[in-house]
C-alpha atoms as a PDB file:
ATOM      1  CA  UNK A   1     -34.227   5.300  -5.981  1.00  0.00           C
ATOM      2  CA  UNK A   2     -33.041   2.657  -8.637  1.00  0.00           C
ATOM      3  CA  UNK A   3     -30.473   5.203 -10.086  1.00  0.00           C
ATOM      4  CA  UNK A   4     -29.056   5.593  -6.578  1.00  0.00           C
ATOM      5  CA  UNK A   5     -28.261   1.776  -6.435  1.00  0.00           C
ATOM      6  CA  UNK A   6     -26.327   2.024  -9.386  1.00  0.00           C
ATOM      7  CA  UNK A   7     -24.110   4.906  -8.114  1.00  0.00           C
ATOM      8  CA  UNK A   8     -23.919   3.103  -4.805  1.00  0.00           C
ATOM      9  CA  UNK A   9     -23.027  -0.363  -7.167  1.00  0.00           C
ATOM     10  CA  UNK A  10     -20.817   1.918  -8.877  1.00  0.00           C
ATOM     11  CA  UNK A  11     -19.166   3.398  -5.675  1.00  0.00           C
ATOM     12  CA  UNK A  12     -18.627   0.323  -3.422  1.00  0.00           C
ATOM     13  CA  UNK A  13     -17.014  -0.789  -6.758  1.00  0.00           C
ATOM     14  CA  UNK A  14     -14.911   1.547  -7.007  1.00  0.00           C
ATOM     15  CA  UNK A  15     -13.808   1.419  -3.155  1.00  0.00           C
ATOM     16  CA  UNK A  16     -13.110  -2.422  -3.534  1.00  0.00           C
ATOM     17  CA  UNK A  17     -11.235  -1.956  -6.139  1.00  0.00           C
ATOM     18  CA  UNK A  18      -8.959   0.254  -5.103  1.00  0.00           C
ATOM     19  CA  UNK A  19      -8.841  -1.529  -1.408  1.00  0.00           C
ATOM     20  CA  UNK A  20      -7.797  -4.175  -3.657  1.00  0.00           C
ATOM     21  CA  UNK A  21      -4.902  -2.083  -5.314  1.00  0.00           C
ATOM     22  CA  UNK A  22      -3.781  -0.701  -2.100  1.00  0.00           C
ATOM     23  CA  UNK A  23      -3.500  -4.144  -0.023  1.00  0.00           C
ATOM     24  CA  UNK A  24      -1.023  -5.151  -2.919  1.00  0.00           C
ATOM     25  CA  UNK A  25       1.030  -1.779  -2.765  1.00  0.00           C
ATOM     26  CA  UNK A  26       0.969  -2.265   1.043  1.00  0.00           C
ATOM     27  CA  UNK A  27       1.879  -5.763   1.304  1.00  0.00           C
ATOM     28  CA  UNK A  28       4.531  -5.116  -1.154  1.00  0.00           C
ATOM     29  CA  UNK A  29       5.809  -1.879   0.715  1.00  0.00           C
ATOM     30  CA  UNK A  30       6.124  -3.833   3.849  1.00  0.00           C
ATOM     31  CA  UNK A  31       7.859  -6.925   2.868  1.00  0.00           C
ATOM     32  CA  UNK A  32      10.413  -5.088   1.323  1.00  0.00           C
ATOM     33  CA  UNK A  33      11.074  -3.388   4.526  1.00  0.00           C
ATOM     34  CA  UNK A  34      12.636  -7.225   5.057  1.00  0.00           C
ATOM     35  CA  UNK A  35      14.814  -6.589   2.354  1.00  0.00           C
ATOM     36  CA  UNK A  36      16.777  -3.772   4.478  1.00  0.00           C
ATOM     37  CA  UNK A  37      17.506  -6.321   7.614  1.00  0.00           C
ATOM     38  CA  UNK A  38      18.230  -8.916   4.841  1.00  0.00           C
ATOM     39  CA  UNK A  39      21.560  -7.148   3.913  1.00  0.00           C
ATOM     40  CA  UNK A  40      24.751  -8.501   3.969  1.00  0.00           C
ATOM     41  CA  UNK A  41      26.802  -6.929   7.059  1.00  0.00           C
ATOM     42  CA  UNK A  42      29.417  -5.404   4.891  1.00  0.00           C
ATOM     43  CA  UNK A  43      27.455  -3.772   3.003  1.00  0.00           C
ATOM     44  CA  UNK A  44      27.484   0.041   1.933  1.00  0.00           C
ATOM     45  CA  UNK A  45      25.290   1.994   4.453  1.00  0.00           C
ATOM     46  CA  UNK A  46      24.302   4.013   1.090  1.00  0.00           C
ATOM     47  CA  UNK A  47      22.376   0.897   0.332  1.00  0.00           C
ATOM     48  CA  UNK A  48      19.957   0.364   2.876  1.00  0.00           C
ATOM     49  CA  UNK A  49      19.309   4.137   2.663  1.00  0.00           C
ATOM     50  CA  UNK A  50      18.565   4.022  -0.967  1.00  0.00           C
ATOM     51  CA  UNK A  51      15.955   1.037  -0.506  1.00  0.00           C
ATOM     52  CA  UNK A  52      14.297   3.407   2.091  1.00  0.00           C
ATOM     53  CA  UNK A  53      14.178   6.407  -0.228  1.00  0.00           C
ATOM     54  CA  UNK A  54      12.958   4.396  -2.840  1.00  0.00           C
ATOM     55  CA  UNK A  55      10.094   2.375  -0.841  1.00  0.00           C
ATOM     56  CA  UNK A  56       9.137   5.547   0.860  1.00  0.00           C
ATOM     57  CA  UNK A  57       9.541   7.206  -3.097  1.00  0.00           C
ATOM     58  CA  UNK A  58       7.018   4.626  -4.637  1.00  0.00           C
ATOM     59  CA  UNK A  59       4.446   5.147  -1.923  1.00  0.00           C
ATOM     60  CA  UNK A  60       4.282   8.525  -2.238  1.00  0.00           C
ATOM     61  CA  UNK A  61       3.816   8.641  -5.799  1.00  0.00           C
ATOM     62  CA  UNK A  62       1.222   6.163  -5.071  1.00  0.00           C
ATOM     63  CA  UNK A  63      -0.585   8.089  -2.871  1.00  0.00           C
ATOM     64  CA  UNK A  64      -0.135  11.221  -4.592  1.00  0.00           C
ATOM     65  CA  UNK A  65      -1.993   9.640  -7.861  1.00  0.00           C
ATOM     66  CA  UNK A  66      -4.590   8.351  -5.520  1.00  0.00           C
ATOM     67  CA  UNK A  67      -5.313  12.092  -4.219  1.00  0.00           C
ATOM     68  CA  UNK A  68      -5.357  13.582  -7.917  1.00  0.00           C
ATOM     69  CA  UNK A  69      -8.026  10.990  -8.991  1.00  0.00           C
ATOM     70  CA  UNK A  70     -10.527  11.625  -6.095  1.00  0.00           C
ATOM     71  CA  UNK A  71     -11.430  10.681  -1.832  1.00  0.00           C
ATOM     72  CA  UNK A  72     -13.061   7.501  -2.578  1.00  0.00           C
ATOM     73  CA  UNK A  73      -9.771   5.975  -4.257  1.00  0.00           C
ATOM     74  CA  UNK A  74      -7.287   7.533  -1.515  1.00  0.00           C
ATOM     75  CA  UNK A  75      -9.841   6.552   1.058  1.00  0.00           C
ATOM     76  CA  UNK A  76      -9.843   3.053   0.101  1.00  0.00           C
ATOM     77  CA  UNK A  77      -6.681   2.416  -1.082  1.00  0.00           C
ATOM     78  CA  UNK A  78      -5.381   3.270   2.284  1.00  0.00           C
ATOM     79  CA  UNK A  79      -7.439   1.000   4.096  1.00  0.00           C
ATOM     80  CA  UNK A  80      -6.152  -1.343   1.827  1.00  0.00           C
ATOM     81  CA  UNK A  81      -2.352  -0.687   2.469  1.00  0.00           C
ATOM     82  CA  UNK A  82      -2.937  -1.247   6.462  1.00  0.00           C
ATOM     83  CA  UNK A  83      -4.743  -4.098   5.883  1.00  0.00           C
ATOM     84  CA  UNK A  84      -1.562  -5.427   3.608  1.00  0.00           C
ATOM     85  CA  UNK A  85       0.944  -4.267   6.470  1.00  0.00           C
ATOM     86  CA  UNK A  86      -1.145  -6.138   8.847  1.00  0.00           C
ATOM     87  CA  UNK A  87      -0.925  -9.403   6.423  1.00  0.00           C
ATOM     88  CA  UNK A  88       2.757  -8.534   5.860  1.00  0.00           C
ATOM     89  CA  UNK A  89       4.083  -8.369   9.147  1.00  0.00           C
ATOM     90  CA  UNK A  90       1.675 -11.880   9.884  1.00  0.00           C
ATOM     91  CA  UNK A  91       3.271 -13.649   7.134  1.00  0.00           C
ATOM     92  CA  UNK A  92       6.488 -12.623   8.652  1.00  0.00           C
ATOM     93  CA  UNK A  93       5.521 -14.234  12.280  1.00  0.00           C
ATOM     94  CA  UNK A  94       5.335 -10.839  13.650  1.00  0.00           C
ATOM     95  CA  UNK A  95       2.224  -9.066  15.340  1.00  0.00           C
ATOM     96  CA  UNK A  96       0.851  -6.206  13.094  1.00  0.00           C
END
């Protein structure tokens, strides 16, 4: 039974680490959405679309990398990513 608690501790540490990473990425992803809203009125249309594609590509790359590592990292990071959304929206004064 002593070996199981060491294994569980390692899994918990991994889950918390990837959840924290997901929180950081999620917070950055949702806060960067504000960039599109803050573009000057005369900004070209491709700029807003480019920022959107860049943000989406970064998220896809992040989760694809996590999927290559395993189920626990991607699930933990996704939970953190969603928590980052809640924190970002509340920071902006919106309901999450």
